[in-house]
Protein backbone atom coordinates (compact mmCIF):
# COMPACT_ATOMS: atom_id res chain seq x y z
CA UNK A 1 27.59 4.18 -17.64
CA UNK A 2 27.22 1.50 -14.97
CA UNK A 3 25.27 -1.64 -15.82
CA UNK A 4 23.35 -2.92 -12.83
CA UNK A 5 22.46 -6.55 -12.27
CA UNK A 6 20.91 -8.63 -9.53
CA UNK A 7 21.58 -9.60 -6.78
CA UNK A 8 22.52 -5.95 -6.47
CA UNK A 9 25.61 -3.82 -6.89
CA UNK A 10 27.05 -1.70 -4.08
CA UNK A 11 27.30 2.02 -4.77
CA UNK A 12 27.17 5.24 -2.77
CA UNK A 13 24.44 7.68 -3.77
CA UNK A 14 23.05 11.01 -2.55
CA UNK A 15 19.68 10.70 -0.86
CA UNK A 16 18.38 13.46 -3.14
CA UNK A 17 18.46 10.92 -6.00
CA UNK A 18 16.46 8.30 -4.10
CA UNK A 19 12.68 8.04 -4.37
CA UNK A 20 10.91 6.85 -1.23
CA UNK A 21 7.32 6.35 -0.10
CA UNK A 22 6.26 3.51 -2.38
CA UNK A 23 2.68 2.30 -1.72
CA UNK A 24 3.91 -1.08 -0.46
CA UNK A 25 6.05 0.52 2.27
CA UNK A 26 5.04 1.26 5.82
CA UNK A 27 4.74 5.03 6.45
CA UNK A 28 7.73 6.78 7.98
CA UNK A 29 6.99 7.45 11.64
CA UNK A 30 8.88 10.31 13.35
CA UNK A 31 8.96 8.31 16.59
CA UNK A 32 10.72 5.43 14.82
CA UNK A 33 13.19 7.87 13.25
CA UNK A 34 13.98 9.41 16.65
CA UNK A 35 14.41 5.99 18.24
CA UNK A 36 16.80 5.04 15.44
CA UNK A 37 18.84 8.19 16.02
CA UNK A 38 19.13 7.49 19.74
CA UNK A 39 20.77 4.13 19.11
CA UNK A 40 22.64 5.18 15.98
CA UNK A 41 26.02 3.62 15.29
CA UNK A 42 27.47 4.29 11.82
CA UNK A 43 29.65 1.19 12.14
CA UNK A 44 26.51 -0.92 11.74
CA UNK A 45 24.92 1.03 8.90
CA UNK A 46 23.72 -1.50 6.35
CA UNK A 47 23.22 -0.52 2.68
CA UNK A 48 19.92 0.91 1.53
CA UNK A 49 18.18 -1.54 -0.82
CA UNK A 50 17.29 0.29 -4.03
CA UNK A 51 15.59 -0.72 -7.28
CA UNK A 52 16.60 1.03 -10.50
CA UNK A 53 13.34 1.00 -12.46
CA UNK A 54 12.07 3.23 -15.26
CA UNK A 55 14.99 5.61 -14.83
CA UNK A 56 14.41 6.12 -11.09
CA UNK A 57 16.16 4.86 -7.98
CA UNK A 58 13.34 3.57 -5.76
CA UNK A 59 14.06 2.83 -2.12
CA UNK A 60 12.82 -0.65 -1.28
CA UNK A 61 14.08 -0.85 2.28
CA UNK A 62 15.74 1.84 4.38
CA UNK A 63 13.57 4.93 4.30
CA UNK A 64 13.71 5.31 8.09
CA UNK A 65 17.51 5.19 7.97
CA UNK A 66 17.50 7.84 5.27
CA UNK A 67 15.26 10.14 7.31
CA UNK A 68 17.42 9.59 10.40
CA UNK A 69 20.60 10.52 8.54
CA UNK A 70 18.96 13.60 7.04
CA UNK A 71 17.72 14.71 10.44
CA UNK A 72 21.16 14.28 11.97
CA UNK A 73 22.51 16.37 9.10
CA UNK A 74 20.20 19.28 9.80
CA UNK A 75 17.65 18.16 7.21
CA UNK A 76 20.10 18.21 4.32
CA UNK A 77 20.71 15.29 1.97
CA UNK A 78 23.60 12.92 2.61
CA UNK A 79 25.59 10.27 0.74
CA UNK A 80 24.50 6.75 1.68
CA UNK A 81 25.70 3.24 0.84
CA UNK A 82 23.23 1.44 -1.42
CA UNK A 83 22.68 -2.00 -2.85
CA UNK A 84 21.11 -1.38 -6.25
CA UNK A 85 18.96 -3.91 -8.08
CA UNK A 86 17.76 -3.67 -11.66
CA UNK A 87 15.18 -5.47 -13.74
CA UNK A 88 12.64 -5.67 -10.90
CA UNK A 89 9.01 -4.92 -11.59
CA UNK A 90 6.95 -2.93 -9.08
CA UNK A 91 5.41 -6.19 -7.84
CA UNK A 92 8.84 -7.77 -7.38
CA UNK A 93 9.97 -4.73 -5.42
CA UNK A 94 6.98 -5.15 -3.11
CA UNK A 95 7.77 -8.83 -2.63
CA UNK A 96 11.43 -8.07 -1.87
CA UNK A 97 10.38 -5.37 0.61
CA UNK A 98 8.11 -7.84 2.38
CA UNK A 99 10.82 -10.49 2.60
CA UNK A 100 13.50 -8.07 3.80
CA UNK A 101 11.39 -6.55 6.55
CA UNK A 102 9.83 -9.88 7.51
CA UNK A 103 13.28 -11.33 8.09
CA UNK A 104 13.99 -8.46 10.51
CA UNK A 105 10.64 -8.68 12.26
CA UNK A 106 9.83 -5.02 11.63
CA UNK A 107 6.51 -5.18 9.82
CA UNK A 108 3.16 -4.99 11.52
CA UNK A 109 0.67 -7.47 10.13
CA UNK A 110 -1.24 -4.72 8.30
CA UNK A 111 1.90 -3.41 6.60
CA UNK A 112 3.08 -6.90 5.72
CA UNK A 113 -0.33 -7.69 4.24
CA UNK A 114 -0.30 -4.51 2.18
CA UNK A 115 3.14 -5.39 0.82
CA UNK A 116 1.85 -8.83 -0.15
CA UNK A 117 -1.14 -7.27 -1.89
CA UNK A 118 1.09 -4.92 -3.85
CA UNK A 119 3.38 -7.80 -4.82
CA UNK A 120 0.44 -9.86 -6.10
CA UNK A 121 2.13 -13.07 -4.90
CA UNK A 122 -0.23 -14.19 -2.13
CA UNK A 123 -3.44 -15.74 -3.45
CA UNK A 124 -5.15 -15.69 -0.06
CA UNK A 125 -4.83 -11.97 0.66
CA UNK A 126 -5.73 -11.16 -2.94
CA UNK A 127 -8.93 -13.19 -2.61
CA UNK A 128 -9.81 -11.61 0.74
CA UNK A 129 -9.39 -8.15 -0.77
CA UNK A 130 -11.53 -9.11 -3.76
CA UNK A 131 -14.35 -10.43 -1.59
CA UNK A 132 -14.19 -7.47 0.78
CA UNK A 133 -14.42 -4.98 -2.06
CA UNK A 134 -17.11 -6.99 -3.87
CA UNK A 135 -19.26 -6.64 -0.74
CA UNK A 136 -18.79 -2.87 -0.73
CA UNK A 137 -16.24 -2.66 2.08
CA UNK A 138 -12.73 -1.19 2.09
CA UNK A 139 -9.85 -3.13 3.63
CA UNK A 140 -7.72 -0.39 5.17
CA UNK A 141 -4.11 -1.40 5.74
CA UNK A 142 -2.51 1.98 6.33
CA UNK A 143 -4.29 5.33 6.59
CA UNK A 144 -7.91 5.31 7.69
CA UNK A 145 -10.37 8.04 6.85
CA UNK A 146 -12.97 7.20 9.49
CA UNK A 147 -15.67 6.55 6.90
CA UNK A 148 -18.20 3.76 7.12
CA UNK A 149 -17.42 0.38 5.58
CA UNK A 150 -13.72 0.57 6.49
CA UNK A 151 -12.33 -2.69 7.85
CA UNK A 152 -9.25 -1.90 9.93
CA UNK A 153 -8.54 -5.20 11.65
CA UNK A 154 -6.13 -7.22 9.55
CA UNK A 155 -5.83 -10.30 11.74
CA UNK A 156 -9.55 -10.62 12.45
CA UNK A 157 -10.58 -10.44 8.81
CA UNK A 158 -7.90 -12.94 7.73
CA UNK A 159 -8.91 -15.32 10.52
CA UNK A 160 -12.58 -14.97 9.55
CA UNK A 161 -11.78 -15.92 5.96
CA UNK A 162 -9.72 -18.91 7.07
CA UNK A 163 -12.44 -20.08 9.45
CA UNK A 164 -15.35 -19.70 7.05
CA UNK A 165 -14.02 -20.13 3.54
CA UNK A 166 -14.93 -17.92 0.61
CA UNK A 167 -18.72 -18.40 0.35
CA UNK A 168 -19.48 -18.11 4.06
CA UNK A 169 -17.03 -15.22 4.37
CA UNK A 170 -19.01 -13.33 1.73
CA UNK A 171 -22.19 -14.17 3.60
CA UNK A 172 -20.64 -12.70 6.76
CA UNK A 173 -19.94 -9.43 4.96
CA UNK A 174 -23.49 -9.27 3.61
CA UNK A 175 -24.87 -9.77 7.12
CA UNK A 176 -22.65 -7.03 8.52
CA UNK A 177 -23.72 -4.67 5.76
CA UNK A 178 -27.44 -5.42 5.98
CA UNK A 179 -27.53 -5.34 9.78
CA UNK A 180 -25.34 -2.39 10.74
CA UNK A 181 -24.77 -0.69 7.37
CA UNK A 182 -20.99 -0.53 7.60
CA UNK A 183 -20.86 1.31 10.95
CA UNK A 184 -17.25 1.39 12.08
CA UNK A 185 -18.05 -0.04 15.51
CA UNK A 186 -19.62 -3.10 13.89
CA UNK A 187 -16.35 -3.78 12.07
CA UNK A 188 -14.07 -3.88 15.09
CA UNK A 189 -11.94 -6.98 15.60
CA UNK A 190 -14.14 -8.22 18.45
CA UNK A 191 -17.29 -8.03 16.30
CA UNK A 192 -15.63 -9.65 13.30
CA UNK A 193 -14.25 -12.55 15.33
CA UNK A 194 -17.52 -13.06 17.20
CA UNK A 195 -19.61 -12.91 14.04
CA UNK A 196 -17.29 -15.34 12.25
CA UNK A 197 -17.54 -17.92 15.05
CA UNK A 198 -21.32 -17.43 15.31
CA UNK A 199 -21.79 -17.95 11.58
CA UNK A 200 -19.45 -20.94 11.49
CA UNK A 201 -21.37 -22.57 14.35
CA UNK A 202 -24.86 -21.91 12.96
CA UNK A 203 -24.07 -21.83 9.26
CA UNK A 204 -26.82 -24.25 8.24
CA UNK A 205 -29.40 -23.26 10.89
CA UNK A 206 -29.27 -19.49 10.66
CA UNK A 207 -31.95 -17.59 8.76
CA UNK A 208 -30.30 -14.45 7.43
CA UNK A 209 -33.46 -12.33 7.27
CA UNK A 210 -34.30 -13.19 10.87
CA UNK A 211 -30.77 -12.33 11.95
CA UNK A 212 -30.88 -8.96 10.20
CA UNK A 213 -34.29 -8.12 11.65
CA UNK A 214 -33.34 -9.02 15.21
CA UNK A 215 -29.75 -7.78 15.39
CA UNK A 216 -30.33 -4.51 13.54
CA UNK A 217 -32.12 -3.33 16.68
CA UNK A 218 -29.00 -4.03 18.76
CA UNK A 219 -26.20 -1.50 19.13
CA UNK A 220 -22.84 -3.19 18.37
CA UNK A 221 -21.42 -1.20 21.29
CA UNK A 222 -23.62 -3.24 23.62
CA UNK A 223 -22.35 -6.50 22.12
CA UNK A 224 -18.76 -5.37 22.61
CA UNK A 225 -19.41 -4.14 26.15
CA UNK A 226 -21.15 -7.36 27.17
CA UNK A 227 -18.45 -9.48 25.56
CA UNK A 228 -15.73 -7.69 27.50
CA UNK A 229 -17.55 -8.40 30.73
CA UNK A 230 -17.49 -12.16 30.16
CA UNK A 231 -14.57 -13.54 32.18
CA UNK A 232 -15.61 -17.19 31.92
CA UNK A 233 -13.30 -17.85 28.95
CA UNK A 234 -10.11 -16.41 27.52
CA UNK A 235 -11.33 -17.06 23.97
CA UNK A 236 -12.23 -13.60 22.71
CA UNK A 237 -14.26 -14.77 19.71
CA UNK A 238 -16.37 -17.04 21.94
CA UNK A 239 -17.22 -14.22 24.35
CA UNK A 240 -18.68 -12.03 21.60
CA UNK A 241 -20.31 -14.92 19.74
CA UNK A 242 -22.20 -15.79 22.93
CA UNK A 243 -23.61 -12.26 23.16
CA UNK A 244 -24.67 -12.37 19.52
CA UNK A 245 -26.45 -15.67 20.15
CA UNK A 246 -28.18 -14.27 23.22
CA UNK A 247 -29.37 -11.20 21.31
CA UNK A 248 -30.59 -13.34 18.42
CA UNK A 249 -32.65 -15.50 20.77
CA UNK A 250 -34.07 -12.77 23.05
CA UNK A 251 -34.50 -9.78 20.78
CA UNK A 252 -37.96 -10.92 19.65
CA UNK A 253 -40.58 -12.84 21.60
CA UNK A 254 -41.57 -16.11 20.08
CA UNK A 255 -40.02 -17.40 16.91
CA UNK A 256 -37.37 -20.04 16.52
CA UNK A 257 -34.37 -19.88 18.82
CA UNK A 258 -30.95 -21.35 18.23
CA UNK A 259 -29.56 -23.89 20.72
CA UNK A 260 -26.21 -23.37 22.36
CA UNK A 261 -23.67 -25.19 20.20
CA UNK A 262 -20.40 -23.45 21.00
CA UNK A 263 -17.58 -25.56 22.29
CA UNK A 264 -16.68 -23.97 25.57
């Protein structure tokens, strides 16, 4: 019997004994596997990082390399060099995965955020997820289903939370829900960034019921289209916030209008 200890012990193992596809990992993409094969050089093959947990050898980092080696071997399993850790919890595995891939610059923001969520180490992303789900939305960081209430933009939702803070961020989600009822087009990055800037600018002046009444008659597609046609500024959030302000002020005759307060 071999006793494993951190920071990891080197050992060769058959890929048949390695479990891959942990929830914190980015999905294996065939295009990435093929690109890896094209530039393959066995002299630079680094060990597969593996966690021995609950009697299983779980791949933390290296699933694309494993798939590339299998494909080059006609789909059959191969023997690979591994660096095996023990004593890691699932959350610690997720944190290690995030740190390893972050250091190599491989992770998209959505995949990095999912790894942080699985690790439970980042208070900010945990709070964003809690608020999103409390408002009835789903923060999708990997596979989307196309259903309503799915928020796909990672950067826009994080930036909205940082701009507004927790209470106003929750208010933003309520407005999105009550106005457009979770329609996917209303949750695009351009809409989220524009709505966040609009709410930040008019946080104390805006009447939520008036906003819902006026903007619910506006197709988010029109807001996006009009925002894209604004070439007066390179600030994307400002372009869409301006359209939202215009629609708020012109959608109904009479009534109180909001003054222009954007910087820019």
